[in-house]
PDB file of N, CA and C in Angstrom:
ATOM      1  N   UNK A   1     -16.098 -12.203 -17.092  1.00  0.00           N
ATOM      2  CA  UNK A   1     -15.936 -13.442 -17.840  1.00  0.00           C
ATOM      3  C   UNK A   1     -14.451 -13.779 -18.007  1.00  0.00           C
ATOM      4  N   UNK A   2     -13.644 -12.743 -18.241  1.00  0.00           N
ATOM      5  CA  UNK A   2     -12.209 -12.939 -18.417  1.00  0.00           C
ATOM      6  C   UNK A   2     -11.578 -13.521 -17.154  1.00  0.00           C
ATOM      7  N   UNK A   3     -12.009 -13.039 -15.989  1.00  0.00           N
ATOM      8  CA  UNK A   3     -11.468 -13.540 -14.729  1.00  0.00           C
ATOM      9  C   UNK A   3     -11.883 -14.980 -14.462  1.00  0.00           C
ATOM     10  N   UNK A   4     -13.061 -15.360 -14.907  1.00  0.00           N
ATOM     11  CA  UNK A   4     -13.519 -16.734 -14.721  1.00  0.00           C
ATOM     12  C   UNK A   4     -12.681 -17.692 -15.570  1.00  0.00           C
ATOM     13  N   UNK A   5     -12.414 -17.303 -16.788  1.00  0.00           N
ATOM     14  CA  UNK A   5     -11.578 -18.131 -17.664  1.00  0.00           C
ATOM     15  C   UNK A   5     -10.158 -18.227 -17.105  1.00  0.00           C
ATOM     16  N   UNK A   6      -9.639 -17.113 -16.617  1.00  0.00           N
ATOM     17  CA  UNK A   6      -8.305 -17.112 -16.017  1.00  0.00           C
ATOM     18  C   UNK A   6      -8.265 -18.013 -14.782  1.00  0.00           C
ATOM     19  N   UNK A   7      -9.323 -17.973 -13.979  1.00  0.00           N
ATOM     20  CA  UNK A   7      -9.397 -18.808 -12.783  1.00  0.00           C
ATOM     21  C   UNK A   7      -9.451 -20.288 -13.144  1.00  0.00           C
ATOM     22  N   UNK A   8     -10.264 -20.643 -14.130  1.00  0.00           N
ATOM     23  CA  UNK A   8     -10.365 -22.038 -14.536  1.00  0.00           C
ATOM     24  C   UNK A   8      -9.050 -22.550 -15.118  1.00  0.00           C
ATOM     25  N   UNK A   9      -8.358 -21.717 -15.884  1.00  0.00           N
ATOM     26  CA  UNK A   9      -7.042 -22.096 -16.402  1.00  0.00           C
ATOM     27  C   UNK A   9      -6.037 -22.273 -15.264  1.00  0.00           C
ATOM     28  N   UNK A  10      -6.111 -21.414 -14.261  1.00  0.00           N
ATOM     29  CA  UNK A  10      -5.245 -21.520 -13.090  1.00  0.00           C
ATOM     30  C   UNK A  10      -5.491 -22.830 -12.348  1.00  0.00           C
ATOM     31  N   UNK A  11      -6.738 -23.194 -12.135  1.00  0.00           N
ATOM     32  CA  UNK A  11      -7.080 -24.437 -11.441  1.00  0.00           C
ATOM     33  C   UNK A  11      -6.609 -25.648 -12.247  1.00  0.00           C
ATOM     34  N   UNK A  12      -6.830 -25.625 -13.542  1.00  0.00           N
ATOM     35  CA  UNK A  12      -6.408 -26.721 -14.408  1.00  0.00           C
ATOM     36  C   UNK A  12      -4.887 -26.859 -14.403  1.00  0.00           C
ATOM     37  N   UNK A  13      -4.182 -25.745 -14.503  1.00  0.00           N
ATOM     38  CA  UNK A  13      -2.720 -25.730 -14.505  1.00  0.00           C
ATOM     39  C   UNK A  13      -2.165 -26.262 -13.183  1.00  0.00           C
ATOM     40  N   UNK A  14      -2.719 -25.806 -12.078  1.00  0.00           N
ATOM     41  CA  UNK A  14      -2.254 -26.250 -10.760  1.00  0.00           C
ATOM     42  C   UNK A  14      -2.517 -27.731 -10.543  1.00  0.00           C
ATOM     43  N   UNK A  15      -3.651 -28.208 -10.996  1.00  0.00           N
ATOM     44  CA  UNK A  15      -3.985 -29.617 -10.850  1.00  0.00           C
ATOM     45  C   UNK A  15      -3.071 -30.489 -11.711  1.00  0.00           C
ATOM     46  N   UNK A  16      -2.784 -30.037 -12.909  1.00  0.00           N
ATOM     47  CA  UNK A  16      -1.915 -30.806 -13.809  1.00  0.00           C
ATOM     48  C   UNK A  16      -0.519 -30.982 -13.220  1.00  0.00           C
ATOM     49  N   UNK A  17      -0.034 -29.998 -12.516  1.00  0.00           N
ATOM     50  CA  UNK A  17       1.307 -30.079 -11.936  1.00  0.00           C
ATOM     51  C   UNK A  17       1.402 -31.255 -10.972  1.00  0.00           C
ATOM     52  N   UNK A  18       0.388 -31.463 -10.151  1.00  0.00           N
ATOM     53  CA  UNK A  18       0.449 -32.536  -9.168  1.00  0.00           C
ATOM     54  C   UNK A  18       0.176 -33.913  -9.756  1.00  0.00           C
ATOM     55  N   UNK A  19      -0.459 -33.988 -10.926  1.00  0.00           N
ATOM     56  CA  UNK A  19      -0.719 -35.286 -11.530  1.00  0.00           C
ATOM     57  C   UNK A  19       0.381 -35.739 -12.470  1.00  0.00           C
ATOM     58  N   UNK A  20       1.419 -34.919 -12.629  1.00  0.00           N
ATOM     59  CA  UNK A  20       2.533 -35.299 -13.488  1.00  0.00           C
ATOM     60  C   UNK A  20       3.390 -36.367 -12.823  1.00  0.00           C
ATOM     61  N   UNK A  21       4.043 -37.184 -13.623  1.00  0.00           N
ATOM     62  CA  UNK A  21       4.986 -38.135 -13.017  1.00  0.00           C
ATOM     63  C   UNK A  21       6.209 -37.385 -12.487  1.00  0.00           C
ATOM     64  N   UNK A  22       6.922 -38.025 -11.586  1.00  0.00           N
ATOM     65  CA  UNK A  22       8.102 -37.397 -11.001  1.00  0.00           C
ATOM     66  C   UNK A  22       9.295 -37.532 -11.949  1.00  0.00           C
ATOM     67  N   UNK A  23       9.425 -36.564 -12.845  1.00  0.00           N
ATOM     68  CA  UNK A  23      10.573 -36.541 -13.745  1.00  0.00           C
ATOM     69  C   UNK A  23      10.888 -35.096 -14.119  1.00  0.00           C
ATOM     70  N   UNK A  24      11.601 -34.927 -15.177  1.00  0.00           N
ATOM     71  CA  UNK A  24      12.083 -33.590 -15.536  1.00  0.00           C
ATOM     72  C   UNK A  24      11.046 -32.712 -16.231  1.00  0.00           C
ATOM     73  N   UNK A  25       9.820 -33.160 -16.359  1.00  0.00           N
ATOM     74  CA  UNK A  25       8.755 -32.358 -16.962  1.00  0.00           C
ATOM     75  C   UNK A  25       8.468 -31.120 -16.110  1.00  0.00           C
ATOM     76  N   UNK A  26       8.789 -31.195 -14.827  1.00  0.00           N
ATOM     77  CA  UNK A  26       8.546 -30.068 -13.925  1.00  0.00           C
ATOM     78  C   UNK A  26       9.350 -28.839 -14.353  1.00  0.00           C
ATOM     79  N   UNK A  27      10.469 -29.046 -15.049  1.00  0.00           N
ATOM     80  CA  UNK A  27      11.274 -27.924 -15.548  1.00  0.00           C
ATOM     81  C   UNK A  27      10.471 -27.115 -16.561  1.00  0.00           C
ATOM     82  N   UNK A  28       9.633 -27.786 -17.336  1.00  0.00           N
ATOM     83  CA  UNK A  28       8.774 -27.080 -18.302  1.00  0.00           C
ATOM     84  C   UNK A  28       7.802 -26.174 -17.566  1.00  0.00           C
ATOM     85  N   UNK A  29       7.243 -26.636 -16.457  1.00  0.00           N
ATOM     86  CA  UNK A  29       6.308 -25.815 -15.692  1.00  0.00           C
ATOM     87  C   UNK A  29       7.014 -24.639 -15.011  1.00  0.00           C
ATOM     88  N   UNK A  30       8.249 -24.839 -14.611  1.00  0.00           N
ATOM     89  CA  UNK A  30       9.022 -23.722 -14.059  1.00  0.00           C
ATOM     90  C   UNK A  30       9.248 -22.676 -15.140  1.00  0.00           C
ATOM     91  N   UNK A  31       9.561 -23.118 -16.352  1.00  0.00           N
ATOM     92  CA  UNK A  31       9.744 -22.184 -17.467  1.00  0.00           C
ATOM     93  C   UNK A  31       8.434 -21.469 -17.814  1.00  0.00           C
ATOM     94  N   UNK A  32       7.318 -22.196 -17.743  1.00  0.00           N
ATOM     95  CA  UNK A  32       6.014 -21.573 -18.004  1.00  0.00           C
ATOM     96  C   UNK A  32       5.721 -20.508 -16.952  1.00  0.00           C
ATOM     97  N   UNK A  33       6.034 -20.794 -15.684  1.00  0.00           N
ATOM     98  CA  UNK A  33       5.838 -19.796 -14.634  1.00  0.00           C
ATOM     99  C   UNK A  33       6.651 -18.541 -14.906  1.00  0.00           C
ATOM    100  N   UNK A  34       7.907 -18.714 -15.296  1.00  0.00           N
ATOM    101  CA  UNK A  34       8.749 -17.552 -15.616  1.00  0.00           C
ATOM    102  C   UNK A  34       8.192 -16.777 -16.809  1.00  0.00           C
ATOM    103  N   UNK A  35       7.707 -17.502 -17.811  1.00  0.00           N
ATOM    104  CA  UNK A  35       7.120 -16.852 -18.980  1.00  0.00           C
ATOM    105  C   UNK A  35       5.855 -16.086 -18.612  1.00  0.00           C
ATOM    106  N   UNK A  36       5.027 -16.661 -17.771  1.00  0.00           N
ATOM    107  CA  UNK A  36       3.806 -15.981 -17.321  1.00  0.00           C
ATOM    108  C   UNK A  36       4.158 -14.727 -16.527  1.00  0.00           C
ATOM    109  N   UNK A  37       5.213 -14.817 -15.711  1.00  0.00           N
ATOM    110  CA  UNK A  37       5.657 -13.642 -14.950  1.00  0.00           C
ATOM    111  C   UNK A  37       6.077 -12.518 -15.882  1.00  0.00           C
ATOM    112  N   UNK A  38       6.810 -12.870 -16.931  1.00  0.00           N
ATOM    113  CA  UNK A  38       7.273 -11.852 -17.870  1.00  0.00           C
ATOM    114  C   UNK A  38       6.130 -11.264 -18.689  1.00  0.00           C
ATOM    115  N   UNK A  39       5.201 -12.112 -19.114  1.00  0.00           N
ATOM    116  CA  UNK A  39       4.081 -11.637 -19.927  1.00  0.00           C
ATOM    117  C   UNK A  39       3.142 -10.753 -19.110  1.00  0.00           C
ATOM    118  N   UNK A  40       2.873 -11.153 -17.874  1.00  0.00           N
ATOM    119  CA  UNK A  40       1.933 -10.387 -17.056  1.00  0.00           C
ATOM    120  C   UNK A  40       2.583  -9.203 -16.344  1.00  0.00           C
ATOM    121  N   UNK A  41       3.890  -9.048 -16.522  1.00  0.00           N
ATOM    122  CA  UNK A  41       4.635  -7.908 -15.975  1.00  0.00           C
ATOM    123  C   UNK A  41       4.502  -7.792 -14.459  1.00  0.00           C
ATOM    124  N   UNK A  42       4.604  -8.950 -13.801  1.00  0.00           N
ATOM    125  CA  UNK A  42       4.583  -8.992 -12.348  1.00  0.00           C
ATOM    126  C   UNK A  42       5.990  -8.649 -11.856  1.00  0.00           C
ATOM    127  N   UNK A  43       6.071  -7.933 -10.756  1.00  0.00           N
ATOM    128  CA  UNK A  43       7.363  -7.572 -10.193  1.00  0.00           C
ATOM    129  C   UNK A  43       8.008  -8.835  -9.624  1.00  0.00           C
ATOM    130  N   UNK A  44       9.158  -9.199 -10.163  1.00  0.00           N
ATOM    131  CA  UNK A  44       9.803 -10.454  -9.801  1.00  0.00           C
ATOM    132  C   UNK A  44      10.248 -10.444  -8.337  1.00  0.00           C
ATOM    133  N   UNK A  45      10.717  -9.325  -7.855  1.00  0.00           N
ATOM    134  CA  UNK A  45      11.145  -9.236  -6.455  1.00  0.00           C
ATOM    135  C   UNK A  45       9.978  -9.509  -5.504  1.00  0.00           C
ATOM    136  N   UNK A  46       8.793  -9.045  -5.871  1.00  0.00           N
ATOM    137  CA  UNK A  46       7.608  -9.267  -5.047  1.00  0.00           C
ATOM    138  C   UNK A  46       7.243 -10.749  -5.011  1.00  0.00           C
ATOM    139  N   UNK A  47       7.359 -11.420  -6.133  1.00  0.00           N
ATOM    140  CA  UNK A  47       7.055 -12.849  -6.204  1.00  0.00           C
ATOM    141  C   UNK A  47       8.077 -13.644  -5.390  1.00  0.00           C
ATOM    142  N   UNK A  48       9.354 -13.283  -5.511  1.00  0.00           N
ATOM    143  CA  UNK A  48      10.396 -13.988  -4.761  1.00  0.00           C
ATOM    144  C   UNK A  48      10.207 -13.774  -3.266  1.00  0.00           C
ATOM    145  N   UNK A  49       9.881 -12.541  -2.863  1.00  0.00           N
ATOM    146  CA  UNK A  49       9.657 -12.261  -1.446  1.00  0.00           C
ATOM    147  C   UNK A  49       8.482 -13.072  -0.914  1.00  0.00           C
ATOM    148  N   UNK A  50       7.400 -13.115  -1.664  1.00  0.00           N
ATOM    149  CA  UNK A  50       6.231 -13.882  -1.229  1.00  0.00           C
ATOM    150  C   UNK A  50       6.522 -15.378  -1.184  1.00  0.00           C
ATOM    151  N   UNK A  51       7.306 -15.869  -2.133  1.00  0.00           N
ATOM    152  CA  UNK A  51       7.669 -17.279  -2.153  1.00  0.00           C
ATOM    153  C   UNK A  51       8.561 -17.618  -0.958  1.00  0.00           C
ATOM    154  N   UNK A  52       9.471 -16.727  -0.613  1.00  0.00           N
ATOM    155  CA  UNK A  52      10.340 -16.966   0.539  1.00  0.00           C
ATOM    156  C   UNK A  52       9.559 -16.972   1.847  1.00  0.00           C
ATOM    157  N   UNK A  53       8.472 -16.222   1.917  1.00  0.00           N
ATOM    158  CA  UNK A  53       7.626 -16.243   3.107  1.00  0.00           C
ATOM    159  C   UNK A  53       6.917 -17.588   3.269  1.00  0.00           C
ATOM    160  N   UNK A  54       6.606 -18.238   2.172  1.00  0.00           N
ATOM    161  CA  UNK A  54       5.918 -19.525   2.193  1.00  0.00           C
ATOM    162  C   UNK A  54       6.913 -20.681   2.305  1.00  0.00           C
ATOM    163  N   UNK A  55       8.171 -20.431   2.008  1.00  0.00           N
ATOM    164  CA  UNK A  55       9.186 -21.476   1.933  1.00  0.00           C
ATOM    165  C   UNK A  55       9.293 -22.358   3.187  1.00  0.00           C
ATOM    166  N   UNK A  56       9.196 -21.828   4.417  1.00  0.00           N
ATOM    167  CA  UNK A  56       9.252 -22.728   5.579  1.00  0.00           C
ATOM    168  C   UNK A  56       8.157 -23.799   5.580  1.00  0.00           C
ATOM    169  N   UNK A  57       6.980 -23.479   5.093  1.00  0.00           N
ATOM    170  CA  UNK A  57       5.900 -24.460   5.012  1.00  0.00           C
ATOM    171  C   UNK A  57       6.201 -25.520   3.950  1.00  0.00           C
ATOM    172  N   UNK A  58       6.842 -25.109   2.864  1.00  0.00           N
ATOM    173  CA  UNK A  58       7.230 -26.062   1.825  1.00  0.00           C
ATOM    174  C   UNK A  58       8.295 -27.013   2.365  1.00  0.00           C
ATOM    175  N   UNK A  59       9.263 -26.480   3.113  1.00  0.00           N
ATOM    176  CA  UNK A  59      10.298 -27.319   3.715  1.00  0.00           C
ATOM    177  C   UNK A  59       9.676 -28.279   4.733  1.00  0.00           C
ATOM    178  N   UNK A  60       8.724 -27.802   5.517  1.00  0.00           N
ATOM    179  CA  UNK A  60       8.030 -28.655   6.475  1.00  0.00           C
ATOM    180  C   UNK A  60       7.306 -29.800   5.760  1.00  0.00           C
ATOM    181  N   UNK A  61       6.646 -29.486   4.660  1.00  0.00           N
ATOM    182  CA  UNK A  61       5.956 -30.509   3.873  1.00  0.00           C
ATOM    183  C   UNK A  61       6.955 -31.504   3.306  1.00  0.00           C
ATOM    184  N   UNK A  62       8.096 -30.989   2.824  1.00  0.00           N
ATOM    185  CA  UNK A  62       9.157 -31.866   2.318  1.00  0.00           C
ATOM    186  C   UNK A  62       9.631 -32.828   3.407  1.00  0.00           C
ATOM    187  N   UNK A  63       9.838 -32.321   4.611  1.00  0.00           N
ATOM    188  CA  UNK A  63      10.325 -33.167   5.703  1.00  0.00           C
ATOM    189  C   UNK A  63       9.312 -34.240   6.094  1.00  0.00           C
ATOM    190  N   UNK A  64       8.047 -33.868   6.149  1.00  0.00           N
ATOM    191  CA  UNK A  64       7.003 -34.847   6.473  1.00  0.00           C
ATOM    192  C   UNK A  64       6.938 -35.928   5.394  1.00  0.00           C
ATOM    193  N   UNK A  65       7.012 -35.515   4.130  1.00  0.00           N
ATOM    194  CA  UNK A  65       6.989 -36.497   3.045  1.00  0.00           C
ATOM    195  C   UNK A  65       8.234 -37.370   3.052  1.00  0.00           C
ATOM    196  N   UNK A  66       9.357 -36.811   3.469  1.00  0.00           N
ATOM    197  CA  UNK A  66      10.594 -37.585   3.557  1.00  0.00           C
ATOM    198  C   UNK A  66      10.468 -38.666   4.630  1.00  0.00           C
ATOM    199  N   UNK A  67       9.819 -38.311   5.746  1.00  0.00           N
ATOM    200  CA  UNK A  67       9.629 -39.299   6.803  1.00  0.00           C
ATOM    201  C   UNK A  67       8.669 -40.405   6.374  1.00  0.00           C
ATOM    202  N   UNK A  68       7.675 -40.053   5.583  1.00  0.00           N
ATOM    203  CA  UNK A  68       6.655 -41.023   5.192  1.00  0.00           C
ATOM    204  C   UNK A  68       6.982 -41.789   3.912  1.00  0.00           C
ATOM    205  N   UNK A  69       7.905 -41.240   3.114  1.00  0.00           N
ATOM    206  CA  UNK A  69       8.202 -41.836   1.813  1.00  0.00           C
ATOM    207  C   UNK A  69       9.689 -41.654   1.509  1.00  0.00           C
ATOM    208  N   UNK A  70      10.060 -41.937   0.317  1.00  0.00           N
ATOM    209  CA  UNK A  70      11.433 -41.809  -0.152  1.00  0.00           C
ATOM    210  C   UNK A  70      11.825 -40.336  -0.303  1.00  0.00           C
ATOM    211  N   UNK A  71      13.113 -40.025  -0.193  1.00  0.00           N
ATOM    212  CA  UNK A  71      13.578 -38.647  -0.304  1.00  0.00           C
ATOM    213  C   UNK A  71      13.370 -38.094  -1.711  1.00  0.00           C
ATOM    214  N   UNK A  72      13.461 -38.954  -2.726  1.00  0.00           N
ATOM    215  CA  UNK A  72      13.271 -38.492  -4.103  1.00  0.00           C
ATOM    216  C   UNK A  72      11.822 -38.042  -4.310  1.00  0.00           C
ATOM    217  N   UNK A  73      10.875 -38.826  -3.850  1.00  0.00           N
ATOM    218  CA  UNK A  73       9.469 -38.442  -3.971  1.00  0.00           C
ATOM    219  C   UNK A  73       9.172 -37.188  -3.162  1.00  0.00           C
ATOM    220  N   UNK A  74       9.769 -37.082  -1.986  1.00  0.00           N
ATOM    221  CA  UNK A  74       9.584 -35.887  -1.166  1.00  0.00           C
ATOM    222  C   UNK A  74      10.146 -34.656  -1.862  1.00  0.00           C
ATOM    223  N   UNK A  75      11.275 -34.816  -2.531  1.00  0.00           N
ATOM    224  CA  UNK A  75      11.878 -33.715  -3.282  1.00  0.00           C
ATOM    225  C   UNK A  75      10.953 -33.246  -4.402  1.00  0.00           C
ATOM    226  N   UNK A  76      10.413 -34.202  -5.164  1.00  0.00           N
ATOM    227  CA  UNK A  76       9.512 -33.832  -6.267  1.00  0.00           C
ATOM    228  C   UNK A  76       8.234 -33.179  -5.750  1.00  0.00           C
ATOM    229  N   UNK A  77       7.699 -33.661  -4.657  1.00  0.00           N
ATOM    230  CA  UNK A  77       6.498 -33.042  -4.087  1.00  0.00           C
ATOM    231  C   UNK A  77       6.810 -31.625  -3.620  1.00  0.00           C
ATOM    232  N   UNK A  78       7.983 -31.426  -3.011  1.00  0.00           N
ATOM    233  CA  UNK A  78       8.390 -30.084  -2.591  1.00  0.00           C
ATOM    234  C   UNK A  78       8.534 -29.131  -3.773  1.00  0.00           C
ATOM    235  N   UNK A  79       9.135 -29.611  -4.856  1.00  0.00           N
ATOM    236  CA  UNK A  79       9.291 -28.781  -6.053  1.00  0.00           C
ATOM    237  C   UNK A  79       7.932 -28.457  -6.665  1.00  0.00           C
ATOM    238  N   UNK A  80       7.061 -29.449  -6.742  1.00  0.00           N
ATOM    239  CA  UNK A  80       5.721 -29.214  -7.293  1.00  0.00           C
ATOM    240  C   UNK A  80       4.951 -28.213  -6.443  1.00  0.00           C
ATOM    241  N   UNK A  81       5.069 -28.335  -5.137  1.00  0.00           N
ATOM    242  CA  UNK A  81       4.401 -27.398  -4.242  1.00  0.00           C
ATOM    243  C   UNK A  81       4.960 -25.987  -4.408  1.00  0.00           C
ATOM    244  N   UNK A  82       6.258 -25.876  -4.598  1.00  0.00           N
ATOM    245  CA  UNK A  82       6.883 -24.576  -4.838  1.00  0.00           C
ATOM    246  C   UNK A  82       6.380 -23.943  -6.128  1.00  0.00           C
ATOM    247  N   UNK A  83       6.254 -24.744  -7.172  1.00  0.00           N
ATOM    248  CA  UNK A  83       5.755 -24.234  -8.455  1.00  0.00           C
ATOM    249  C   UNK A  83       4.302 -23.796  -8.334  1.00  0.00           C
ATOM    250  N   UNK A  84       3.477 -24.577  -7.641  1.00  0.00           N
ATOM    251  CA  UNK A  84       2.063 -24.216  -7.473  1.00  0.00           C
ATOM    252  C   UNK A  84       1.926 -22.958  -6.615  1.00  0.00           C
ATOM    253  N   UNK A  85       2.710 -22.855  -5.554  1.00  0.00           N
ATOM    254  CA  UNK A  85       2.673 -21.632  -4.733  1.00  0.00           C
ATOM    255  C   UNK A  85       3.114 -20.425  -5.536  1.00  0.00           C
ATOM    256  N   UNK A  86       4.114 -20.620  -6.390  1.00  0.00           N
ATOM    257  CA  UNK A  86       4.593 -19.525  -7.224  1.00  0.00           C
ATOM    258  C   UNK A  86       3.523 -19.061  -8.202  1.00  0.00           C
ATOM    259  N   UNK A  87       2.850 -19.978  -8.865  1.00  0.00           N
ATOM    260  CA  UNK A  87       1.802 -19.573  -9.814  1.00  0.00           C
ATOM    261  C   UNK A  87       0.615 -18.972  -9.074  1.00  0.00           C
ATOM    262  N   UNK A  88       0.368 -19.411  -7.846  1.00  0.00           N
ATOM    263  CA  UNK A  88      -0.708 -18.819  -7.055  1.00  0.00           C
ATOM    264  C   UNK A  88      -0.392 -17.369  -6.727  1.00  0.00           C
ATOM    265  N   UNK A  89       0.854 -17.086  -6.400  1.00  0.00           N
ATOM    266  CA  UNK A  89       1.266 -15.705  -6.125  1.00  0.00           C
ATOM    267  C   UNK A  89       1.150 -14.861  -7.376  1.00  0.00           C
ATOM    268  N   UNK A  90       1.556 -15.397  -8.499  1.00  0.00           N
ATOM    269  CA  UNK A  90       1.442 -14.665  -9.768  1.00  0.00           C
ATOM    270  C   UNK A  90      -0.026 -14.411 -10.089  1.00  0.00           C
ATOM    271  N   UNK A  91      -0.865 -15.428  -9.912  1.00  0.00           N
ATOM    272  CA  UNK A  91      -2.301 -15.273 -10.183  1.00  0.00           C
ATOM    273  C   UNK A  91      -2.918 -14.214  -9.271  1.00  0.00           C
ATOM    274  N   UNK A  92      -2.559 -14.231  -7.998  1.00  0.00           N
ATOM    275  CA  UNK A  92      -3.148 -13.260  -7.071  1.00  0.00           C
ATOM    276  C   UNK A  92      -2.677 -11.835  -7.353  1.00  0.00           C
ATOM    277  N   UNK A  93      -1.495 -11.684  -7.918  1.00  0.00           N
ATOM    278  CA  UNK A  93      -1.013 -10.346  -8.258  1.00  0.00           C
ATOM    279  C   UNK A  93      -1.593  -9.817  -9.560  1.00  0.00           C
ATOM    280  N   UNK A  94      -2.093 -10.694 -10.411  1.00  0.00           N
ATOM    281  CA  UNK A  94      -2.618 -10.253 -11.705  1.00  0.00           C
ATOM    282  C   UNK A  94      -4.141 -10.202 -11.769  1.00  0.00           C
ATOM    283  N   UNK A  95      -4.796 -10.725 -10.772  1.00  0.00           N
ATOM    284  CA  UNK A  95      -6.259 -10.753 -10.791  1.00  0.00           C
ATOM    285  C   UNK A  95      -6.814  -9.723  -9.828  1.00  0.00           C
ATOM    286  N   UNK A  96      -7.787  -8.989 -10.283  1.00  0.00           N
ATOM    287  CA  UNK A  96      -8.445  -8.013  -9.433  1.00  0.00           C
ATOM    288  C   UNK A  96      -9.861  -8.478  -9.152  1.00  0.00           C
ATOM    289  N   UNK A  97     -10.379  -8.052  -8.039  1.00  0.00           N
ATOM    290  CA  UNK A  97     -11.750  -8.396  -7.660  1.00  0.00           C
ATOM    291  C   UNK A  97     -12.657  -7.283  -8.181  1.00  0.00           C
ATOM    292  N   UNK A  98     -13.635  -7.676  -8.959  1.00  0.00           N
ATOM    293  CA  UNK A  98     -14.590  -6.722  -9.495  1.00  0.00           C
ATOM    294  C   UNK A  98     -15.916  -6.957  -8.789  1.00  0.00           C
ATOM    295  N   UNK A  99     -16.415  -5.939  -8.161  1.00  0.00           N
ATOM    296  CA  UNK A  99     -17.685  -6.059  -7.440  1.00  0.00           C
ATOM    297  C   UNK A  99     -18.761  -5.236  -8.133  1.00  0.00           C
ATOM    298  N   UNK A 100     -19.883  -5.859  -8.299  1.00  0.00           N
ATOM    299  CA  UNK A 100     -21.044  -5.145  -8.863  1.00  0.00           C
ATOM    300  C   UNK A 100     -21.939  -4.699  -7.720  1.00  0.00           C
ATOM    301  N   UNK A 101     -22.100  -3.418  -7.562  1.00  0.00           N
ATOM    302  CA  UNK A 101     -22.950  -2.900  -6.479  1.00  0.00           C
ATOM    303  C   UNK A 101     -24.277  -2.422  -7.015  1.00  0.00           C
TER     304      UNK A 101
END
């Protein structure tokens, strides 16, 4: 039950990030991610390494959005995607799969 609640909160949090307007509110979500990392005692080096592995895809998405839209909007979408990928890495490191046999 605890994992289901954690999953639903994760989905709600990730969805809220993309529905925010493009302004400085994203800094609050970055701070929340850092706070969640500290509370859940996730190894920060592991999160940074995993984020750097995903970073080329984020840059690719930024470039595609830049071609299709304004650079400012592409920048905000890239930052939002980075924050969502970061929380996904944190979620995957803190959640275990429990199987009932």
